[in-house]
Amino acid sequence: MTREEAKGLLYQYIANEGLRRHHLAAEATMRAFAKRFGQDEELWGLSGLLHDLDWEKIGGDSAQHTKVTEQILREHGVIDEVLINAIKAHHPSASGREPETLQEKVLYSTEEITGLVTAAALVQPDKKLANVTVESLMKKLKNKNFAAGVNRDIVAKSVEYTGMPLEEVVQTVLVAMQEIHEELGL
């Protein structure tokens, strides 16, 4: 599957602009980590771009999350098990698949951080990523009331899963998102 095909699916199944931007942020994040670890940037990027493809379709039924994405992808001829497994492993409570590979672990533990970065940008006076710093993100991460939907326990796993200090993980996500700030509208 090409990025253009994947983006077409994203726009077919996700109408909410904020959710589309989350997918784009996760894609940029996955590409950045793939590059860092010498992995397939296209494949890793696709897992970020498509990871929540079923979110609007499942209507809040998180027990179906990733299962419906797998169905959608297979209906569209996607048979890449590495891609499908990465998507399934980012939500193990529904899929039953715990993150095992590096790609799966990175997607699972870093896509949460994109929500924190987005929230931090939205509280800036100009609502721009350019003014968000790693230091401010680390402070906001400690404040459980800020971006309360961001699961801090999952974010903490990123240290174990990447072998990187948390500040470096957060910086990688921030820089990846800053590089596509126009596409994110931030």
N, C-alpha and C. Protein backbone atom coordinates (compact mmCIF):
# COMPACT_ATOMS: atom_id res chain seq x y z
N MET A 1 0.85 -1.18 0.00
CA MET A 1 0.00 0.00 0.00
C MET A 1 0.89 1.24 0.00
N THR A 2 0.55 2.18 -0.84
CA THR A 2 1.30 3.43 -0.89
C THR A 2 0.74 4.41 0.13
N ARG A 3 1.51 5.46 0.40
CA ARG A 3 1.04 6.49 1.31
C ARG A 3 -0.21 7.16 0.75
N GLU A 4 -0.24 7.38 -0.55
CA GLU A 4 -1.41 8.02 -1.16
C GLU A 4 -2.66 7.17 -0.97
N GLU A 5 -2.52 5.86 -1.15
CA GLU A 5 -3.66 4.94 -0.94
C GLU A 5 -4.09 4.97 0.52
N ALA A 6 -3.11 4.96 1.42
CA ALA A 6 -3.42 4.99 2.85
C ALA A 6 -4.10 6.29 3.24
N LYS A 7 -3.62 7.40 2.69
CA LYS A 7 -4.24 8.68 3.00
C LYS A 7 -5.66 8.73 2.44
N GLY A 8 -5.88 8.10 1.29
CA GLY A 8 -7.23 8.00 0.75
C GLY A 8 -8.15 7.25 1.69
N LEU A 9 -7.68 6.15 2.25
CA LEU A 9 -8.47 5.40 3.23
C LEU A 9 -8.75 6.26 4.47
N LEU A 10 -7.72 6.95 4.92
CA LEU A 10 -7.89 7.82 6.09
C LEU A 10 -9.02 8.82 5.86
N TYR A 11 -9.01 9.46 4.70
CA TYR A 11 -10.04 10.46 4.41
C TYR A 11 -11.40 9.82 4.13
N GLN A 12 -11.39 8.57 3.74
CA GLN A 12 -12.66 7.86 3.53
C GLN A 12 -13.32 7.48 4.85
N TYR A 13 -12.51 7.09 5.83
CA TYR A 13 -13.06 6.57 7.09
C TYR A 13 -13.03 7.55 8.25
N ILE A 14 -12.25 8.61 8.14
CA ILE A 14 -12.15 9.59 9.22
C ILE A 14 -12.56 10.96 8.70
N ALA A 15 -13.64 11.49 9.24
CA ALA A 15 -14.14 12.79 8.82
C ALA A 15 -13.64 13.92 9.72
N ASN A 16 -13.41 13.62 10.99
CA ASN A 16 -13.00 14.63 11.96
C ASN A 16 -11.59 15.11 11.65
N GLU A 17 -11.45 16.42 11.45
CA GLU A 17 -10.15 16.99 11.08
C GLU A 17 -9.11 16.81 12.18
N GLY A 18 -9.50 16.95 13.42
CA GLY A 18 -8.56 16.76 14.53
C GLY A 18 -8.03 15.33 14.58
N LEU A 19 -8.89 14.38 14.31
CA LEU A 19 -8.47 12.98 14.29
C LEU A 19 -7.56 12.70 13.09
N ARG A 20 -7.87 13.32 11.98
CA ARG A 20 -6.99 13.17 10.81
C ARG A 20 -5.60 13.70 11.14
N ARG A 21 -5.56 14.82 11.82
CA ARG A 21 -4.27 15.40 12.20
C ARG A 21 -3.52 14.50 13.18
N HIS A 22 -4.25 13.84 14.06
CA HIS A 22 -3.61 12.89 14.98
C HIS A 22 -2.93 11.78 14.18
N HIS A 23 -3.60 11.28 13.16
CA HIS A 23 -3.01 10.24 12.31
C HIS A 23 -1.75 10.75 11.61
N LEU A 24 -1.81 11.97 11.11
CA LEU A 24 -0.64 12.54 10.44
C LEU A 24 0.52 12.73 11.41
N ALA A 25 0.20 13.15 12.64
CA ALA A 25 1.24 13.30 13.66
C ALA A 25 1.85 11.95 14.01
N ALA A 26 1.02 10.93 14.13
CA ALA A 26 1.53 9.59 14.43
C ALA A 26 2.39 9.07 13.27
N GLU A 27 1.98 9.39 12.05
CA GLU A 27 2.78 8.98 10.89
C GLU A 27 4.16 9.64 10.93
N ALA A 28 4.19 10.94 11.15
CA ALA A 28 5.47 11.66 11.20
C ALA A 28 6.35 11.12 12.32
N THR A 29 5.74 10.84 13.45
CA THR A 29 6.46 10.28 14.59
C THR A 29 7.06 8.92 14.24
N MET A 30 6.26 8.07 13.64
CA MET A 30 6.75 6.74 13.29
C MET A 30 7.87 6.81 12.25
N ARG A 31 7.75 7.71 11.30
CA ARG A 31 8.81 7.88 10.31
C ARG A 31 10.12 8.34 10.99
N ALA A 32 10.00 9.25 11.95
CA ALA A 32 11.18 9.74 12.65
C ALA A 32 11.88 8.63 13.42
N PHE A 33 11.09 7.81 14.10
CA PHE A 33 11.70 6.71 14.86
C PHE A 33 12.24 5.63 13.92
N ALA A 34 11.57 5.39 12.81
CA ALA A 34 12.09 4.42 11.84
C ALA A 34 13.45 4.87 11.34
N LYS A 35 13.55 6.14 11.03
CA LYS A 35 14.83 6.69 10.54
C LYS A 35 15.90 6.53 11.61
N ARG A 36 15.55 6.85 12.83
CA ARG A 36 16.51 6.75 13.94
C ARG A 36 17.02 5.32 14.14
N PHE A 37 16.11 4.36 13.97
CA PHE A 37 16.48 2.96 14.21
C PHE A 37 16.85 2.22 12.93
N GLY A 38 16.95 2.93 11.80
CA GLY A 38 17.35 2.30 10.55
C GLY A 38 16.32 1.30 10.02
N GLN A 39 15.05 1.63 10.20
CA GLN A 39 13.96 0.76 9.79
C GLN A 39 13.26 1.33 8.55
N ASP A 40 12.27 0.62 8.07
CA ASP A 40 11.52 0.99 6.87
C ASP A 40 10.59 2.16 7.19
N GLU A 41 10.97 3.35 6.76
CA GLU A 41 10.19 4.55 7.07
C GLU A 41 8.79 4.52 6.47
N GLU A 42 8.66 3.95 5.28
CA GLU A 42 7.34 3.86 4.65
C GLU A 42 6.39 2.98 5.46
N LEU A 43 6.86 1.80 5.81
CA LEU A 43 6.03 0.85 6.55
C LEU A 43 5.68 1.39 7.93
N TRP A 44 6.67 1.91 8.61
CA TRP A 44 6.41 2.46 9.93
C TRP A 44 5.45 3.65 9.82
N GLY A 45 5.64 4.49 8.81
CA GLY A 45 4.76 5.63 8.63
C GLY A 45 3.32 5.21 8.39
N LEU A 46 3.15 4.15 7.59
CA LEU A 46 1.79 3.66 7.32
C LEU A 46 1.10 3.20 8.60
N SER A 47 1.85 2.57 9.50
CA SER A 47 1.23 2.11 10.74
C SER A 47 0.73 3.30 11.56
N GLY A 48 1.47 4.39 11.57
CA GLY A 48 1.00 5.59 12.25
C GLY A 48 -0.18 6.23 11.56
N LEU A 49 -0.12 6.28 10.25
CA LEU A 49 -1.18 6.92 9.46
C LEU A 49 -2.52 6.19 9.57
N LEU A 50 -2.47 4.88 9.75
CA LEU A 50 -3.70 4.08 9.73
C LEU A 50 -4.12 3.52 11.09
N HIS A 51 -3.38 3.78 12.14
CA HIS A 51 -3.57 3.07 13.41
C HIS A 51 -4.96 3.22 14.02
N ASP A 52 -5.62 4.34 13.86
CA ASP A 52 -6.96 4.55 14.43
C ASP A 52 -8.02 4.66 13.34
N LEU A 53 -7.82 3.99 12.24
CA LEU A 53 -8.70 4.11 11.08
C LEU A 53 -10.16 3.79 11.40
N ASP A 54 -10.39 2.97 12.39
CA ASP A 54 -11.76 2.55 12.71
C ASP A 54 -12.42 3.42 13.78
N TRP A 55 -11.73 4.42 14.27
CA TRP A 55 -12.20 5.16 15.45
C TRP A 55 -13.62 5.71 15.30
N GLU A 56 -13.93 6.31 14.19
CA GLU A 56 -15.28 6.85 14.01
C GLU A 56 -16.29 5.74 13.74
N LYS A 57 -15.86 4.72 13.08
CA LYS A 57 -16.77 3.62 12.73
C LYS A 57 -17.21 2.82 13.97
N ILE A 58 -16.33 2.67 14.96
CA ILE A 58 -16.68 1.87 16.13
C ILE A 58 -17.54 2.64 17.13
N GLY A 59 -17.65 3.94 16.94
CA GLY A 59 -18.55 4.74 17.78
C GLY A 59 -18.31 4.63 19.26
N GLY A 60 -17.07 4.64 19.68
CA GLY A 60 -16.75 4.59 21.10
C GLY A 60 -16.64 3.19 21.69
N ASP A 61 -16.89 2.16 20.92
CA ASP A 61 -16.77 0.79 21.41
C ASP A 61 -15.31 0.35 21.32
N SER A 62 -14.53 0.72 22.34
CA SER A 62 -13.09 0.48 22.29
C SER A 62 -12.74 -1.01 22.25
N ALA A 63 -13.68 -1.87 22.61
CA ALA A 63 -13.43 -3.32 22.53
C ALA A 63 -13.29 -3.77 21.08
N GLN A 64 -13.78 -2.96 20.15
CA GLN A 64 -13.69 -3.29 18.73
C GLN A 64 -12.50 -2.61 18.04
N HIS A 65 -11.85 -1.71 18.78
CA HIS A 65 -10.75 -0.92 18.20
C HIS A 65 -9.62 -1.82 17.72
N THR A 66 -9.17 -1.57 16.56
CA THR A 66 -8.13 -2.28 15.79
C THR A 66 -8.70 -3.49 15.05
N LYS A 67 -9.70 -4.12 15.62
CA LYS A 67 -10.33 -5.26 14.93
C LYS A 67 -11.02 -4.79 13.66
N VAL A 68 -11.73 -3.68 13.76
CA VAL A 68 -12.43 -3.14 12.60
C VAL A 68 -11.41 -2.57 11.61
N THR A 69 -10.34 -1.96 12.11
CA THR A 69 -9.29 -1.49 11.20
C THR A 69 -8.72 -2.65 10.40
N GLU A 70 -8.46 -3.75 11.07
CA GLU A 70 -7.94 -4.93 10.36
C GLU A 70 -8.92 -5.37 9.27
N GLN A 71 -10.22 -5.40 9.57
CA GLN A 71 -11.23 -5.77 8.57
C GLN A 71 -11.20 -4.81 7.38
N ILE A 72 -11.16 -3.51 7.69
CA ILE A 72 -11.14 -2.50 6.63
C ILE A 72 -9.92 -2.71 5.73
N LEU A 73 -8.76 -2.87 6.35
CA LEU A 73 -7.53 -3.03 5.56
C LEU A 73 -7.59 -4.28 4.70
N ARG A 74 -8.06 -5.38 5.26
CA ARG A 74 -8.14 -6.62 4.48
C ARG A 74 -9.14 -6.49 3.34
N GLU A 75 -10.26 -5.79 3.58
CA GLU A 75 -11.24 -5.55 2.52
C GLU A 75 -10.64 -4.73 1.37
N HIS A 76 -9.64 -3.93 1.70
CA HIS A 76 -8.98 -3.10 0.70
C HIS A 76 -7.70 -3.75 0.18
N GLY A 77 -7.55 -5.04 0.43
CA GLY A 77 -6.45 -5.80 -0.13
C GLY A 77 -5.12 -5.71 0.59
N VAL A 78 -5.12 -5.14 1.79
CA VAL A 78 -3.87 -5.06 2.56
C VAL A 78 -3.65 -6.40 3.25
N ILE A 79 -2.53 -7.01 2.94
CA ILE A 79 -2.21 -8.31 3.55
C ILE A 79 -0.89 -8.29 4.30
N ASP A 80 -0.29 -7.12 4.44
CA ASP A 80 0.98 -6.99 5.13
C ASP A 80 0.76 -7.22 6.63
N GLU A 81 1.17 -8.38 7.09
CA GLU A 81 0.95 -8.75 8.50
C GLU A 81 1.75 -7.87 9.45
N VAL A 82 2.91 -7.40 9.02
CA VAL A 82 3.71 -6.52 9.87
C VAL A 82 2.93 -5.23 10.14
N LEU A 83 2.33 -4.68 9.12
CA LEU A 83 1.53 -3.47 9.26
C LEU A 83 0.30 -3.73 10.14
N ILE A 84 -0.42 -4.77 9.82
CA ILE A 84 -1.64 -5.09 10.57
C ILE A 84 -1.32 -5.39 12.04
N ASN A 85 -0.25 -6.14 12.29
CA ASN A 85 0.11 -6.47 13.67
C ASN A 85 0.53 -5.24 14.46
N ALA A 86 1.22 -4.31 13.81
CA ALA A 86 1.61 -3.08 14.51
C ALA A 86 0.37 -2.31 14.94
N ILE A 87 -0.60 -2.24 14.05
CA ILE A 87 -1.84 -1.52 14.36
C ILE A 87 -2.58 -2.24 15.50
N LYS A 88 -2.67 -3.54 15.42
CA LYS A 88 -3.35 -4.30 16.47
C LYS A 88 -2.65 -4.14 17.82
N ALA A 89 -1.33 -4.16 17.83
CA ALA A 89 -0.57 -4.10 19.08
C ALA A 89 -0.62 -2.73 19.75
N HIS A 90 -1.06 -1.71 19.04
CA HIS A 90 -1.13 -0.40 19.69
C HIS A 90 -2.32 -0.29 20.63
N HIS A 91 -3.21 -1.27 20.60
CA HIS A 91 -4.36 -1.30 21.51
C HIS A 91 -4.59 -2.75 21.98
N PRO A 92 -3.68 -3.26 22.81
CA PRO A 92 -3.73 -4.68 23.19
C PRO A 92 -4.97 -5.10 23.97
N SER A 93 -5.60 -4.16 24.68
CA SER A 93 -6.77 -4.57 25.47
C SER A 93 -7.92 -5.03 24.58
N ALA A 94 -7.96 -4.56 23.33
CA ALA A 94 -9.00 -5.01 22.40
C ALA A 94 -8.50 -6.13 21.51
N SER A 95 -7.28 -5.98 21.02
CA SER A 95 -6.78 -6.94 20.03
C SER A 95 -6.22 -8.21 20.65
N GLY A 96 -5.82 -8.12 21.92
CA GLY A 96 -5.19 -9.27 22.55
C GLY A 96 -3.73 -9.43 22.15
N ARG A 97 -3.22 -8.51 21.36
CA ARG A 97 -1.83 -8.58 20.90
C ARG A 97 -1.00 -7.53 21.62
N GLU A 98 -0.07 -7.98 22.44
CA GLU A 98 0.85 -7.08 23.12
C GLU A 98 1.94 -6.67 22.14
N PRO A 99 2.47 -5.45 22.28
CA PRO A 99 3.56 -5.03 21.40
C PRO A 99 4.79 -5.91 21.60
N GLU A 100 5.31 -6.44 20.49
CA GLU A 100 6.48 -7.31 20.57
C GLU A 100 7.65 -6.76 19.76
N THR A 101 7.41 -6.36 18.53
CA THR A 101 8.49 -5.87 17.68
C THR A 101 8.78 -4.41 18.03
N LEU A 102 9.92 -3.94 17.58
CA LEU A 102 10.27 -2.54 17.83
C LEU A 102 9.22 -1.60 17.24
N GLN A 103 8.77 -1.87 16.03
CA GLN A 103 7.74 -1.03 15.41
C GLN A 103 6.48 -1.00 16.26
N GLU A 104 6.04 -2.15 16.72
CA GLU A 104 4.84 -2.23 17.55
C GLU A 104 5.00 -1.46 18.85
N LYS A 105 6.15 -1.60 19.47
CA LYS A 105 6.42 -0.93 20.74
C LYS A 105 6.48 0.59 20.57
N VAL A 106 7.09 1.04 19.48
CA VAL A 106 7.19 2.48 19.25
C VAL A 106 5.81 3.07 18.97
N LEU A 107 5.02 2.43 18.15
CA LEU A 107 3.67 2.94 17.87
C LEU A 107 2.85 2.98 19.15
N TYR A 108 2.87 1.90 19.90
CA TYR A 108 2.10 1.81 21.15
C TYR A 108 2.47 2.93 22.11
N SER A 109 3.75 3.18 22.28
CA SER A 109 4.19 4.08 23.35
C SER A 109 4.35 5.54 22.93
N THR A 110 4.40 5.83 21.63
CA THR A 110 4.64 7.22 21.24
C THR A 110 3.42 7.93 20.68
N GLU A 111 2.43 7.19 20.18
CA GLU A 111 1.28 7.90 19.62
C GLU A 111 0.53 8.68 20.69
N GLU A 112 0.65 8.24 21.93
CA GLU A 112 0.07 8.99 23.05
C GLU A 112 0.72 10.38 23.17
N ILE A 113 2.02 10.42 22.92
CA ILE A 113 2.76 11.67 23.08
C ILE A 113 2.30 12.71 22.08
N THR A 114 1.83 12.29 20.92
CA THR A 114 1.35 13.26 19.93
C THR A 114 0.18 14.06 20.49
N GLY A 115 -0.64 13.44 21.31
CA GLY A 115 -1.76 14.15 21.93
C GLY A 115 -1.28 15.21 22.91
N LEU A 116 -0.25 14.88 23.66
CA LEU A 116 0.34 15.83 24.60
C LEU A 116 0.91 17.03 23.85
N VAL A 117 1.65 16.75 22.78
CA VAL A 117 2.27 17.82 21.99
C VAL A 117 1.20 18.71 21.37
N THR A 118 0.16 18.12 20.84
CA THR A 118 -0.93 18.90 20.24
C THR A 118 -1.59 19.79 21.30
N ALA A 119 -1.88 19.22 22.45
CA ALA A 119 -2.51 20.01 23.52
C ALA A 119 -1.60 21.16 23.95
N ALA A 120 -0.30 20.90 24.02
CA ALA A 120 0.65 21.95 24.42
C ALA A 120 0.68 23.07 23.38
N ALA A 121 0.56 22.73 22.12
CA ALA A 121 0.53 23.76 21.07
C ALA A 121 -0.76 24.57 21.17
N LEU A 122 -1.86 23.92 21.45
CA LEU A 122 -3.15 24.60 21.47
C LEU A 122 -3.29 25.59 22.64
N VAL A 123 -2.47 25.45 23.68
CA VAL A 123 -2.54 26.42 24.78
C VAL A 123 -1.55 27.57 24.59
N GLN A 124 -0.76 27.52 23.52
CA GLN A 124 0.13 28.63 23.19
C GLN A 124 -0.72 29.79 22.67
N PRO A 125 -0.32 31.02 22.92
CA PRO A 125 -1.10 32.16 22.43
C PRO A 125 -1.34 32.11 20.91
N ASP A 126 -0.35 31.63 20.15
CA ASP A 126 -0.51 31.58 18.70
C ASP A 126 -0.89 30.18 18.20
N LYS A 127 -1.03 29.24 19.15
CA LYS A 127 -1.42 27.86 18.83
C LYS A 127 -0.46 27.21 17.82
N LYS A 128 0.84 27.44 18.02
CA LYS A 128 1.86 26.95 17.10
C LYS A 128 2.83 26.01 17.80
N LEU A 129 3.22 24.97 17.10
CA LEU A 129 4.21 24.02 17.60
C LEU A 129 5.58 24.64 17.77
N ALA A 130 5.86 25.69 17.02
CA ALA A 130 7.18 26.32 17.08
C ALA A 130 7.53 26.81 18.48
N ASN A 131 6.52 27.14 19.28
CA ASN A 131 6.76 27.67 20.62
C ASN A 131 6.72 26.61 21.72
N VAL A 132 6.50 25.37 21.34
CA VAL A 132 6.48 24.28 22.32
C VAL A 132 7.91 23.78 22.51
N THR A 133 8.29 23.56 23.76
CA THR A 133 9.64 23.07 24.05
C THR A 133 9.56 21.72 24.75
N VAL A 134 10.65 21.00 24.70
CA VAL A 134 10.73 19.72 25.40
C VAL A 134 10.56 19.96 26.90
N GLU A 135 11.16 21.01 27.41
CA GLU A 135 11.06 21.32 28.85
C GLU A 135 9.60 21.53 29.26
N SER A 136 8.87 22.29 28.46
CA SER A 136 7.46 22.54 28.81
C SER A 136 6.65 21.25 28.70
N LEU A 137 6.98 20.42 27.73
CA LEU A 137 6.26 19.14 27.59
C LEU A 137 6.53 18.23 28.77
N MET A 138 7.76 18.22 29.26
CA MET A 138 8.09 17.36 30.40
C MET A 138 7.32 17.83 31.64
N LYS A 139 7.17 19.14 31.82
CA LYS A 139 6.39 19.67 32.95
C LYS A 139 4.92 19.30 32.79
N LYS A 140 4.41 19.43 31.57
CA LYS A 140 3.01 19.12 31.32
C LYS A 140 2.73 17.62 31.48
N LEU A 141 3.71 16.83 31.16
CA LEU A 141 3.56 15.37 31.32
C LEU A 141 3.38 15.01 32.79
N LYS A 142 4.04 15.72 33.67
CA LYS A 142 3.91 15.47 35.12
C LYS A 142 2.57 15.92 35.67
N ASN A 143 1.94 16.88 35.00
CA ASN A 143 0.64 17.41 35.43
C ASN A 143 -0.46 16.54 34.81
N LYS A 144 -1.00 15.63 35.59
CA LYS A 144 -1.99 14.67 35.06
C LYS A 144 -3.30 15.33 34.65
N ASN A 145 -3.52 16.57 35.06
CA ASN A 145 -4.72 17.28 34.65
C ASN A 145 -4.58 17.87 33.25
N PHE A 146 -3.33 18.05 32.81
CA PHE A 146 -3.10 18.58 31.47
C PHE A 146 -3.17 17.43 30.47
N ALA A 147 -3.98 17.59 29.43
CA ALA A 147 -4.17 16.53 28.44
C ALA A 147 -4.43 15.20 29.17
N ALA A 148 -5.46 15.23 29.98
CA ALA A 148 -5.77 14.10 30.86
C ALA A 148 -5.99 12.78 30.12
N GLY A 149 -6.35 12.86 28.84
CA GLY A 149 -6.57 11.64 28.06
C GLY A 149 -5.29 10.94 27.66
N VAL A 150 -4.15 11.58 27.85
CA VAL A 150 -2.86 10.98 27.51
C VAL A 150 -2.47 10.03 28.63
N ASN A 151 -2.33 8.77 28.30
CA ASN A 151 -2.01 7.74 29.28
C ASN A 151 -0.52 7.80 29.62
N ARG A 152 -0.22 8.32 30.79
CA ARG A 152 1.17 8.49 31.22
C ARG A 152 1.89 7.17 31.40
N ASP A 153 1.17 6.12 31.78
CA ASP A 153 1.81 4.82 31.93
C ASP A 153 2.30 4.28 30.60
N ILE A 154 1.53 4.52 29.55
CA ILE A 154 1.95 4.09 28.21
C ILE A 154 3.14 4.94 27.75
N VAL A 155 3.09 6.24 28.00
CA VAL A 155 4.20 7.11 27.63
C VAL A 155 5.48 6.64 28.33
N ALA A 156 5.39 6.27 29.59
CA ALA A 156 6.56 5.81 30.35
C ALA A 156 7.18 4.56 29.72
N LYS A 157 6.37 3.74 29.07
CA LYS A 157 6.88 2.54 28.41
C LYS A 157 7.84 2.88 27.28
N SER A 158 7.73 4.10 26.73
CA SER A 158 8.57 4.48 25.60
C SER A 158 10.05 4.44 25.95
N VAL A 159 10.39 4.68 27.21
CA VAL A 159 11.79 4.63 27.64
C VAL A 159 12.30 3.20 27.52
N GLU A 160 11.54 2.27 28.07
CA GLU A 160 11.91 0.85 27.99
C GLU A 160 11.92 0.37 26.54
N TYR A 161 10.91 0.74 25.80
CA TYR A 161 10.74 0.21 24.44
C TYR A 161 11.74 0.78 23.43
N THR A 162 12.18 2.01 23.63
CA THR A 162 13.11 2.62 22.68
C THR A 162 14.56 2.60 23.16
N GLY A 163 14.74 2.45 24.47
CA GLY A 163 16.08 2.53 25.03
C GLY A 163 16.59 3.96 25.09
N MET A 164 15.69 4.91 24.95
CA MET A 164 16.05 6.33 24.95
C MET A 164 15.52 6.99 26.21
N PRO A 165 16.20 8.03 26.71
CA PRO A 165 15.63 8.80 27.82
C PRO A 165 14.30 9.44 27.38
N LEU A 166 13.39 9.63 28.32
CA LEU A 166 12.07 10.17 28.00
C LEU A 166 12.17 11.53 27.31
N GLU A 167 13.07 12.37 27.73
CA GLU A 167 13.23 13.68 27.11
C GLU A 167 13.57 13.54 25.62
N GLU A 168 14.37 12.55 25.29
CA GLU A 168 14.76 12.33 23.90
C GLU A 168 13.59 11.78 23.08
N VAL A 169 12.81 10.92 23.69
CA VAL A 169 11.61 10.40 23.02
C VAL A 169 10.66 11.56 22.72
N VAL A 170 10.41 12.38 23.73
CA VAL A 170 9.51 13.51 23.58
C VAL A 170 10.05 14.48 22.53
N GLN A 171 11.35 14.72 22.54
CA GLN A 171 11.95 15.62 21.55
C GLN A 171 11.78 15.06 20.14
N THR A 172 11.93 13.77 19.97
CA THR A 172 11.77 13.15 18.65
C THR A 172 10.36 13.35 18.14
N VAL A 173 9.38 13.16 19.00
CA VAL A 173 7.98 13.37 18.62
C VAL A 173 7.74 14.84 18.28
N LEU A 174 8.21 15.73 19.13
CA LEU A 174 8.01 17.17 18.92
C LEU A 174 8.61 17.62 17.60
N VAL A 175 9.85 17.25 17.34
CA VAL A 175 10.51 17.67 16.10
C VAL A 175 9.79 17.10 14.88
N ALA A 176 9.37 15.84 14.97
CA ALA A 176 8.64 15.22 13.85
C ALA A 176 7.36 15.99 13.55
N MET A 177 6.66 16.40 14.59
CA MET A 177 5.42 17.15 14.40
C MET A 177 5.71 18.58 13.92
N GLN A 178 6.76 19.18 14.43
CA GLN A 178 7.12 20.53 13.98
C GLN A 178 7.44 20.54 12.50
N GLU A 179 8.04 19.46 12.01
CA GLU A 179 8.41 19.39 10.60
C GLU A 179 7.19 19.36 9.68
N ILE A 180 6.03 18.95 10.20
CA ILE A 180 4.81 18.94 9.37
C ILE A 180 3.76 19.89 9.94
N HIS A 181 4.20 20.93 10.63
CA HIS A 181 3.30 21.86 11.32
C HIS A 181 2.21 22.42 10.40
N GLU A 182 2.55 22.68 9.16
CA GLU A 182 1.53 23.24 8.25
C GLU A 182 0.41 22.25 8.02
N GLU A 183 0.78 20.98 7.79
CA GLU A 183 -0.22 19.95 7.56
C GLU A 183 -1.08 19.73 8.82
N LEU A 184 -0.47 19.96 9.98
CA LEU A 184 -1.20 19.79 11.25
C LEU A 184 -1.99 21.04 11.63
N GLY A 185 -1.76 22.12 10.93
CA GLY A 185 -2.44 23.37 11.25
C GLY A 185 -1.96 23.97 12.57
N LEU A 186 -0.75 23.60 12.96
CA LEU A 186 -0.19 24.08 14.22
C LEU A 186 1.16 24.74 13.98
